[in-house]
Amino acid sequence: MDAWHVANGYIRTPELSTMRKLVLICFTLGLLTQANAQKKKAEINPAEKMKTAASTSLDAAYPRYKDIALKIWDFAEVGYKEVK
């Protein structure tokens, strides 16, 4: 090995080779981790679909349920309506 190779950083030692491999492995793992993290899509929970469907169904039938509730309260014996 001549002086030019030493001056320009072309020294091949086992430690340097091991360090380059270690840096390359860490860099590759970092890239794979980033790529894998970006692939995940937001999954919709099946329970959320059922909640939305139930809420929509109840909202659509609101007038009917309102009338039923008012009829029930009209027949109920409420304390403030009682007469002695």
PDB file of N, CA and C in Angstrom:
ATOM      1  N   MET A   1       0.859  -1.170   0.000  1.00  0.00           N
ATOM      2  CA  MET A   1       0.000   0.000   0.000  1.00  0.00           C
ATOM      3  C   MET A   1       0.902   1.229   0.000  1.00  0.00           C
ATOM      4  N   ASP A   2       0.632   2.164  -0.878  1.00  0.00           N
ATOM      5  CA  ASP A   2       1.486   3.346  -0.977  1.00  0.00           C
ATOM      6  C   ASP A   2       0.924   4.497  -0.154  1.00  0.00           C
ATOM      7  N   ALA A   3       1.648   5.600  -0.136  1.00  0.00           N
ATOM      8  CA  ALA A   3       1.289   6.754   0.687  1.00  0.00           C
ATOM      9  C   ALA A   3       0.004   7.423   0.202  1.00  0.00           C
ATOM     10  N   TRP A   4      -0.267   7.369  -1.106  1.00  0.00           N
ATOM     11  CA  TRP A   4      -1.473   8.012  -1.634  1.00  0.00           C
ATOM     12  C   TRP A   4      -2.730   7.336  -1.077  1.00  0.00           C
ATOM     13  N   HIS A   5      -2.731   6.019  -1.036  1.00  0.00           N
ATOM     14  CA  HIS A   5      -3.886   5.292  -0.502  1.00  0.00           C
ATOM     15  C   HIS A   5      -4.089   5.587   0.980  1.00  0.00           C
ATOM     16  N   VAL A   6      -3.006   5.674   1.714  1.00  0.00           N
ATOM     17  CA  VAL A   6      -3.106   5.972   3.142  1.00  0.00           C
ATOM     18  C   VAL A   6      -3.634   7.387   3.342  1.00  0.00           C
ATOM     19  N   ALA A   7      -3.146   8.352   2.541  1.00  0.00           N
ATOM     20  CA  ALA A   7      -3.546   9.751   2.684  1.00  0.00           C
ATOM     21  C   ALA A   7      -5.008   9.963   2.302  1.00  0.00           C
ATOM     22  N   ASN A   8      -5.530   9.188   1.380  1.00  0.00           N
ATOM     23  CA  ASN A   8      -6.905   9.375   0.911  1.00  0.00           C
ATOM     24  C   ASN A   8      -7.914   8.448   1.591  1.00  0.00           C
ATOM     25  N   GLY A   9      -7.517   7.777   2.642  1.00  0.00           N
ATOM     26  CA  GLY A   9      -8.460   6.991   3.422  1.00  0.00           C
ATOM     27  C   GLY A   9      -8.782   5.630   2.865  1.00  0.00           C
ATOM     28  N   TYR A  10      -7.920   5.082   2.040  1.00  0.00           N
ATOM     29  CA  TYR A  10      -8.162   3.762   1.466  1.00  0.00           C
ATOM     30  C   TYR A  10      -7.471   2.669   2.263  1.00  0.00           C
ATOM     31  N   ILE A  11      -7.448   2.796   3.549  1.00  0.00           N
ATOM     32  CA  ILE A  11      -6.817   1.795   4.389  1.00  0.00           C
ATOM     33  C   ILE A  11      -7.820   0.675   4.610  1.00  0.00           C
ATOM     34  N   ARG A  12      -7.431  -0.535   4.340  1.00  0.00           N
ATOM     35  CA  ARG A  12      -8.299  -1.695   4.543  1.00  0.00           C
ATOM     36  C   ARG A  12      -7.814  -2.464   5.761  1.00  0.00           C
ATOM     37  N   THR A  13      -8.491  -2.239   6.856  1.00  0.00           N
ATOM     38  CA  THR A  13      -8.177  -3.001   8.058  1.00  0.00           C
ATOM     39  C   THR A  13      -9.421  -3.775   8.448  1.00  0.00           C
ATOM     40  N   PRO A  14      -9.279  -4.856   9.175  1.00  0.00           N
ATOM     41  CA  PRO A  14     -10.470  -5.622   9.585  1.00  0.00           C
ATOM     42  C   PRO A  14     -11.445  -4.794  10.412  1.00  0.00           C
ATOM     43  N   GLU A  15     -10.931  -3.905  11.263  1.00  0.00           N
ATOM     44  CA  GLU A  15     -11.817  -3.080  12.079  1.00  0.00           C
ATOM     45  C   GLU A  15     -12.641  -2.135  11.214  1.00  0.00           C
ATOM     46  N   LEU A  16     -11.994  -1.529  10.212  1.00  0.00           N
ATOM     47  CA  LEU A  16     -12.694  -0.597   9.335  1.00  0.00           C
ATOM     48  C   LEU A  16     -13.749  -1.335   8.516  1.00  0.00           C
ATOM     49  N   SER A  17     -13.416  -2.504   8.035  1.00  0.00           N
ATOM     50  CA  SER A  17     -14.363  -3.287   7.263  1.00  0.00           C
ATOM     51  C   SER A  17     -15.563  -3.681   8.124  1.00  0.00           C
ATOM     52  N   THR A  18     -15.326  -4.067   9.361  1.00  0.00           N
ATOM     53  CA  THR A  18     -16.406  -4.429  10.276  1.00  0.00           C
ATOM     54  C   THR A  18     -17.270  -3.216  10.595  1.00  0.00           C
ATOM     55  N   MET A  19     -16.628  -2.067  10.764  1.00  0.00           N
ATOM     56  CA  MET A  19     -17.382  -0.852  11.053  1.00  0.00           C
ATOM     57  C   MET A  19     -18.263  -0.461   9.868  1.00  0.00           C
ATOM     58  N   ARG A  20     -17.736  -0.591   8.662  1.00  0.00           N
ATOM     59  CA  ARG A  20     -18.536  -0.265   7.478  1.00  0.00           C
ATOM     60  C   ARG A  20     -19.739  -1.204   7.372  1.00  0.00           C
ATOM     61  N   LYS A  21     -19.520  -2.467   7.655  1.00  0.00           N
ATOM     62  CA  LYS A  21     -20.629  -3.424   7.618  1.00  0.00           C
ATOM     63  C   LYS A  21     -21.683  -3.067   8.661  1.00  0.00           C
ATOM     64  N   LEU A  22     -21.228  -2.704   9.846  1.00  0.00           N
ATOM     65  CA  LEU A  22     -22.155  -2.348  10.913  1.00  0.00           C
ATOM     66  C   LEU A  22     -22.966  -1.105  10.550  1.00  0.00           C
ATOM     67  N   VAL A  23     -22.300  -0.101   9.992  1.00  0.00           N
ATOM     68  CA  VAL A  23     -23.008   1.118   9.577  1.00  0.00           C
ATOM     69  C   VAL A  23     -23.988   0.802   8.461  1.00  0.00           C
ATOM     70  N   LEU A  24     -23.574  -0.023   7.511  1.00  0.00           N
ATOM     71  CA  LEU A  24     -24.462  -0.395   6.410  1.00  0.00           C
ATOM     72  C   LEU A  24     -25.679  -1.168   6.919  1.00  0.00           C
ATOM     73  N   ILE A  25     -25.472  -2.067   7.857  1.00  0.00           N
ATOM     74  CA  ILE A  25     -26.590  -2.828   8.428  1.00  0.00           C
ATOM     75  C   ILE A  25     -27.551  -1.900   9.168  1.00  0.00           C
ATOM     76  N   CYS A  26     -27.025  -0.988   9.970  1.00  0.00           N
ATOM     77  CA  CYS A  26     -27.883  -0.044  10.706  1.00  0.00           C
ATOM     78  C   CYS A  26     -28.657   0.853   9.749  1.00  0.00           C
ATOM     79  N   PHE A  27     -27.996   1.322   8.701  1.00  0.00           N
ATOM     80  CA  PHE A  27     -28.650   2.184   7.718  1.00  0.00           C
ATOM     81  C   PHE A  27     -29.760   1.419   6.998  1.00  0.00           C
ATOM     82  N   THR A  28     -29.471   0.175   6.614  1.00  0.00           N
ATOM     83  CA  THR A  28     -30.469  -0.639   5.922  1.00  0.00           C
ATOM     84  C   THR A  28     -31.666  -0.926   6.827  1.00  0.00           C
ATOM     85  N   LEU A  29     -31.406  -1.258   8.080  1.00  0.00           N
ATOM     86  CA  LEU A  29     -32.510  -1.491   9.017  1.00  0.00           C
ATOM     87  C   LEU A  29     -33.346  -0.234   9.216  1.00  0.00           C
ATOM     88  N   GLY A  30     -32.693   0.910   9.265  1.00  0.00           N
ATOM     89  CA  GLY A  30     -33.425   2.169   9.398  1.00  0.00           C
ATOM     90  C   GLY A  30     -34.326   2.424   8.206  1.00  0.00           C
ATOM     91  N   LEU A  31     -33.811   2.185   7.002  1.00  0.00           N
ATOM     92  CA  LEU A  31     -34.628   2.374   5.800  1.00  0.00           C
ATOM     93  C   LEU A  31     -35.800   1.393   5.758  1.00  0.00           C
ATOM     94  N   LEU A  32     -35.534   0.145   6.119  1.00  0.00           N
ATOM     95  CA  LEU A  32     -36.614  -0.844   6.118  1.00  0.00           C
ATOM     96  C   LEU A  32     -37.691  -0.502   7.138  1.00  0.00           C
ATOM     97  N   THR A  33     -37.273  -0.004   8.281  1.00  0.00           N
ATOM     98  CA  THR A  33     -38.237   0.383   9.311  1.00  0.00           C
ATOM     99  C   THR A  33     -39.110   1.532   8.818  1.00  0.00           C
ATOM    100  N   GLN A  34     -38.493   2.513   8.182  1.00  0.00           N
ATOM    101  CA  GLN A  34     -39.254   3.650   7.663  1.00  0.00           C
ATOM    102  C   GLN A  34     -40.209   3.216   6.559  1.00  0.00           C
ATOM    103  N   ALA A  35     -39.732   2.356   5.666  1.00  0.00           N
ATOM    104  CA  ALA A  35     -40.581   1.892   4.565  1.00  0.00           C
ATOM    105  C   ALA A  35     -41.754   1.071   5.091  1.00  0.00           C
ATOM    106  N   ASN A  36     -41.513   0.250   6.090  1.00  0.00           N
ATOM    107  CA  ASN A  36     -42.577  -0.572   6.660  1.00  0.00           C
ATOM    108  C   ASN A  36     -43.599   0.284   7.402  1.00  0.00           C
ATOM    109  N   ALA A  37     -43.141   1.320   8.057  1.00  0.00           N
ATOM    110  CA  ALA A  37     -44.052   2.190   8.807  1.00  0.00           C
ATOM    111  C   ALA A  37     -44.985   2.939   7.865  1.00  0.00           C
ATOM    112  N   GLN A  38     -44.531   3.236   6.669  1.00  0.00           N
ATOM    113  CA  GLN A  38     -45.356   3.988   5.732  1.00  0.00           C
ATOM    114  C   GLN A  38     -46.356   3.106   5.003  1.00  0.00           C
ATOM    115  N   LYS A  39     -46.160   1.802   5.004  1.00  0.00           N
ATOM    116  CA  LYS A  39     -47.054   0.913   4.276  1.00  0.00           C
ATOM    117  C   LYS A  39     -48.375   0.677   4.992  1.00  0.00           C
ATOM    118  N   LYS A  40     -48.403   0.861   6.291  1.00  0.00           N
ATOM    119  CA  LYS A  40     -49.608   0.552   7.050  1.00  0.00           C
ATOM    120  C   LYS A  40     -50.722   1.537   6.705  1.00  0.00           C
ATOM    121  N   LYS A  41     -51.875   1.001   6.445  1.00  0.00           N
ATOM    122  CA  LYS A  41     -53.039   1.828   6.158  1.00  0.00           C
ATOM    123  C   LYS A  41     -53.930   1.849   7.390  1.00  0.00           C
ATOM    124  N   ALA A  42     -54.668   2.899   7.510  1.00  0.00           N
ATOM    125  CA  ALA A  42     -55.586   3.015   8.646  1.00  0.00           C
ATOM    126  C   ALA A  42     -56.724   2.013   8.455  1.00  0.00           C
ATOM    127  N   GLU A  43     -56.830   1.103   9.388  1.00  0.00           N
ATOM    128  CA  GLU A  43     -57.892   0.110   9.325  1.00  0.00           C
ATOM    129  C   GLU A  43     -59.113   0.631  10.076  1.00  0.00           C
ATOM    130  N   ILE A  44     -60.264   0.415   9.487  1.00  0.00           N
ATOM    131  CA  ILE A  44     -61.499   0.831  10.134  1.00  0.00           C
ATOM    132  C   ILE A  44     -61.965  -0.319  11.018  1.00  0.00           C
ATOM    133  N   ASN A  45     -62.175  -0.019  12.258  1.00  0.00           N
ATOM    134  CA  ASN A  45     -62.622  -1.012  13.224  1.00  0.00           C
ATOM    135  C   ASN A  45     -64.045  -1.443  12.869  1.00  0.00           C
ATOM    136  N   PRO A  46     -64.327  -2.744  12.815  1.00  0.00           N
ATOM    137  CA  PRO A  46     -65.691  -3.193  12.496  1.00  0.00           C
ATOM    138  C   PRO A  46     -66.734  -2.651  13.470  1.00  0.00           C
ATOM    139  N   ALA A  47     -66.353  -2.453  14.717  1.00  0.00           N
ATOM    140  CA  ALA A  47     -67.295  -1.911  15.696  1.00  0.00           C
ATOM    141  C   ALA A  47     -67.680  -0.479  15.332  1.00  0.00           C
ATOM    142  N   GLU A  48     -66.750   0.272  14.752  1.00  0.00           N
ATOM    143  CA  GLU A  48     -67.062   1.646  14.349  1.00  0.00           C
ATOM    144  C   GLU A  48     -68.114   1.658  13.242  1.00  0.00           C
ATOM    145  N   LYS A  49     -68.031   0.702  12.329  1.00  0.00           N
ATOM    146  CA  LYS A  49     -69.039   0.616  11.266  1.00  0.00           C
ATOM    147  C   LYS A  49     -70.416   0.347  11.862  1.00  0.00           C
ATOM    148  N   MET A  50     -70.474  -0.563  12.836  1.00  0.00           N
ATOM    149  CA  MET A  50     -71.757  -0.884  13.465  1.00  0.00           C
ATOM    150  C   MET A  50     -72.295   0.304  14.258  1.00  0.00           C
ATOM    151  N   LYS A  51     -71.407   1.037  14.941  1.00  0.00           N
ATOM    152  CA  LYS A  51     -71.841   2.215  15.697  1.00  0.00           C
ATOM    153  C   LYS A  51     -72.419   3.267  14.760  1.00  0.00           C
ATOM    154  N   THR A  52     -71.753   3.474  13.643  1.00  0.00           N
ATOM    155  CA  THR A  52     -72.235   4.462  12.679  1.00  0.00           C
ATOM    156  C   THR A  52     -73.586   4.044  12.111  1.00  0.00           C
ATOM    157  N   ALA A  53     -73.733   2.764  11.795  1.00  0.00           N
ATOM    158  CA  ALA A  53     -75.006   2.274  11.255  1.00  0.00           C
ATOM    159  C   ALA A  53     -76.122   2.416  12.282  1.00  0.00           C
ATOM    160  N   ALA A  54     -75.837   2.092  13.538  1.00  0.00           N
ATOM    161  CA  ALA A  54     -76.854   2.211  14.587  1.00  0.00           C
ATOM    162  C   ALA A  54     -77.246   3.666  14.803  1.00  0.00           C
ATOM    163  N   SER A  55     -76.265   4.543  14.815  1.00  0.00           N
ATOM    164  CA  SER A  55     -76.548   5.966  15.006  1.00  0.00           C
ATOM    165  C   SER A  55     -77.383   6.519  13.856  1.00  0.00           C
ATOM    166  N   THR A  56     -77.054   6.125  12.643  1.00  0.00           N
ATOM    167  CA  THR A  56     -77.814   6.579  11.477  1.00  0.00           C
ATOM    168  C   THR A  56     -79.247   6.062  11.536  1.00  0.00           C
ATOM    169  N   SER A  57     -79.403   4.812  11.943  1.00  0.00           N
ATOM    170  CA  SER A  57     -80.741   4.226  12.042  1.00  0.00           C
ATOM    171  C   SER A  57     -81.584   4.950  13.088  1.00  0.00           C
ATOM    172  N   LEU A  58     -80.985   5.227  14.239  1.00  0.00           N
ATOM    173  CA  LEU A  58     -81.721   5.936  15.294  1.00  0.00           C
ATOM    174  C   LEU A  58     -82.065   7.363  14.874  1.00  0.00           C
ATOM    175  N   ASP A  59     -81.132   8.034  14.216  1.00  0.00           N
ATOM    176  CA  ASP A  59     -81.406   9.400  13.762  1.00  0.00           C
ATOM    177  C   ASP A  59     -82.521   9.424  12.722  1.00  0.00           C
ATOM    178  N   ALA A  60     -82.580   8.411  11.873  1.00  0.00           N
ATOM    179  CA  ALA A  60     -83.617   8.366  10.841  1.00  0.00           C
ATOM    180  C   ALA A  60     -85.000   8.146  11.456  1.00  0.00           C
ATOM    181  N   ALA A  61     -85.071   7.400  12.563  1.00  0.00           N
ATOM    182  CA  ALA A  61     -86.360   7.096  13.194  1.00  0.00           C
ATOM    183  C   ALA A  61     -86.670   8.039  14.351  1.00  0.00           C
ATOM    184  N   TYR A  62     -85.963   9.144  14.469  1.00  0.00           N
ATOM    185  CA  TYR A  62     -86.144  10.069  15.596  1.00  0.00           C
ATOM    186  C   TYR A  62     -87.585  10.553  15.748  1.00  0.00           C
ATOM    187  N   PRO A  63     -88.251  11.002  14.693  1.00  0.00           N
ATOM    188  CA  PRO A  63     -89.629  11.493  14.879  1.00  0.00           C
ATOM    189  C   PRO A  63     -90.565  10.420  15.448  1.00  0.00           C
ATOM    190  N   ARG A  64     -90.414   9.186  14.999  1.00  0.00           N
ATOM    191  CA  ARG A  64     -91.265   8.101  15.496  1.00  0.00           C
ATOM    192  C   ARG A  64     -91.013   7.850  16.980  1.00  0.00           C
ATOM    193  N   TYR A  65     -89.735   7.788  17.362  1.00  0.00           N
ATOM    194  CA  TYR A  65     -89.403   7.549  18.773  1.00  0.00           C
ATOM    195  C   TYR A  65     -89.832   8.721  19.649  1.00  0.00           C
ATOM    196  N   LYS A  66     -89.792   9.917  19.106  1.00  0.00           N
ATOM    197  CA  LYS A  66     -90.219  11.096  19.866  1.00  0.00           C
ATOM    198  C   LYS A  66     -91.714  11.006  20.174  1.00  0.00           C
ATOM    199  N   ASP A  67     -92.505  10.640  19.168  1.00  0.00           N
ATOM    200  CA  ASP A  67     -93.955  10.505  19.378  1.00  0.00           C
ATOM    201  C   ASP A  67     -94.269   9.410  20.394  1.00  0.00           C
ATOM    202  N   ILE A  68     -93.571   8.292  20.311  1.00  0.00           N
ATOM    203  CA  ILE A  68     -93.797   7.195  21.262  1.00  0.00           C
ATOM    204  C   ILE A  68     -93.468   7.645  22.679  1.00  0.00           C
ATOM    205  N   ALA A  69     -92.355   8.342  22.846  1.00  0.00           N
ATOM    206  CA  ALA A  69     -91.952   8.804  24.182  1.00  0.00           C
ATOM    207  C   ALA A  69     -92.972   9.783  24.747  1.00  0.00           C
ATOM    208  N   LEU A  70     -93.480  10.684  23.918  1.00  0.00           N
ATOM    209  CA  LEU A  70     -94.479  11.645  24.393  1.00  0.00           C
ATOM    210  C   LEU A  70     -95.783  10.948  24.783  1.00  0.00           C
ATOM    211  N   LYS A  71     -96.178   9.924  24.026  1.00  0.00           N
ATOM    212  CA  LYS A  71     -97.387   9.172  24.377  1.00  0.00           C
ATOM    213  C   LYS A  71     -97.216   8.449  25.708  1.00  0.00           C
ATOM    214  N   ILE A  72     -96.048   7.876  25.930  1.00  0.00           N
ATOM    215  CA  ILE A  72     -95.787   7.182  27.197  1.00  0.00           C
ATOM    216  C   ILE A  72     -95.882   8.163  28.353  1.00  0.00           C
ATOM    217  N   TRP A  73     -95.279   9.335  28.219  1.00  0.00           N
ATOM    218  CA  TRP A  73     -95.293  10.304  29.314  1.00  0.00           C
ATOM    219  C   TRP A  73     -96.678  10.919  29.519  1.00  0.00           C
ATOM    220  N   ASP A  74     -97.505  10.926  28.489  1.00  0.00           N
ATOM    221  CA  ASP A  74     -98.871  11.425  28.670  1.00  0.00           C
ATOM    222  C   ASP A  74     -99.698  10.456  29.526  1.00  0.00           C
ATOM    223  N   PHE A  75     -99.427   9.160  29.424  1.00  0.00           N
ATOM    224  CA  PHE A  75    -100.166   8.169  30.201  1.00  0.00           C
ATOM    225  C   PHE A  75     -99.586   7.947  31.588  1.00  0.00           C
ATOM    226  N   ALA A  76     -98.378   8.364  31.815  1.00  0.00           N
ATOM    227  CA  ALA A  76     -97.716   8.094  33.102  1.00  0.00           C
ATOM    228  C   ALA A  76     -98.338   8.931  34.207  1.00  0.00           C
ATOM    229  N   GLU A  77     -98.313   8.382  35.415  1.00  0.00           N
ATOM    230  CA  GLU A  77     -98.790   9.129  36.572  1.00  0.00           C
ATOM    231  C   GLU A  77     -97.613   9.900  37.139  1.00  0.00           C
ATOM    232  N   VAL A  78     -97.554  11.124  36.800  1.00  0.00           N
ATOM    233  CA  VAL A  78     -96.456  11.958  37.280  1.00  0.00           C
ATOM    234  C   VAL A  78     -96.906  12.620  38.572  1.00  0.00           C
ATOM    235  N   GLY A  79     -96.008  12.690  39.542  1.00  0.00           N
ATOM    236  CA  GLY A  79     -96.337  13.202  40.866  1.00  0.00           C
ATOM    237  C   GLY A  79     -96.909  14.603  40.860  1.00  0.00           C
ATOM    238  N   TYR A  80     -96.444  15.464  40.016  1.00  0.00           N
ATOM    239  CA  TYR A  80     -96.938  16.842  40.039  1.00  0.00           C
ATOM    240  C   TYR A  80     -98.340  16.963  39.441  1.00  0.00           C
ATOM    241  N   LYS A  81     -98.858  15.912  38.772  1.00  0.00           N
ATOM    242  CA  LYS A  81    -100.208  15.964  38.215  1.00  0.00           C
ATOM    243  C   LYS A  81    -101.253  15.370  39.166  1.00  0.00           C
ATOM    244  N   GLU A  82    -100.802  14.749  40.247  1.00  0.00           N
ATOM    245  CA  GLU A  82    -101.736  14.093  41.166  1.00  0.00           C
ATOM    246  C   GLU A  82    -102.534  15.128  41.955  1.00  0.00           C
ATOM    247  N   VAL A  83    -103.793  14.784  42.188  1.00  0.00           N
ATOM    248  CA  VAL A  83    -104.677  15.660  42.956  1.00  0.00           C
ATOM    249  C   VAL A  83    -105.216  14.857  44.128  1.00  0.00           C
ATOM    250  N   LYS A  84    -105.270  15.476  45.331  1.00  0.00           N
ATOM    251  CA  LYS A  84    -105.789  14.779  46.512  1.00  0.00           C
ATOM    252  C   LYS A  84    -107.262  15.004  46.658  1.00  0.00           C
TER     253      LYS A  84
END
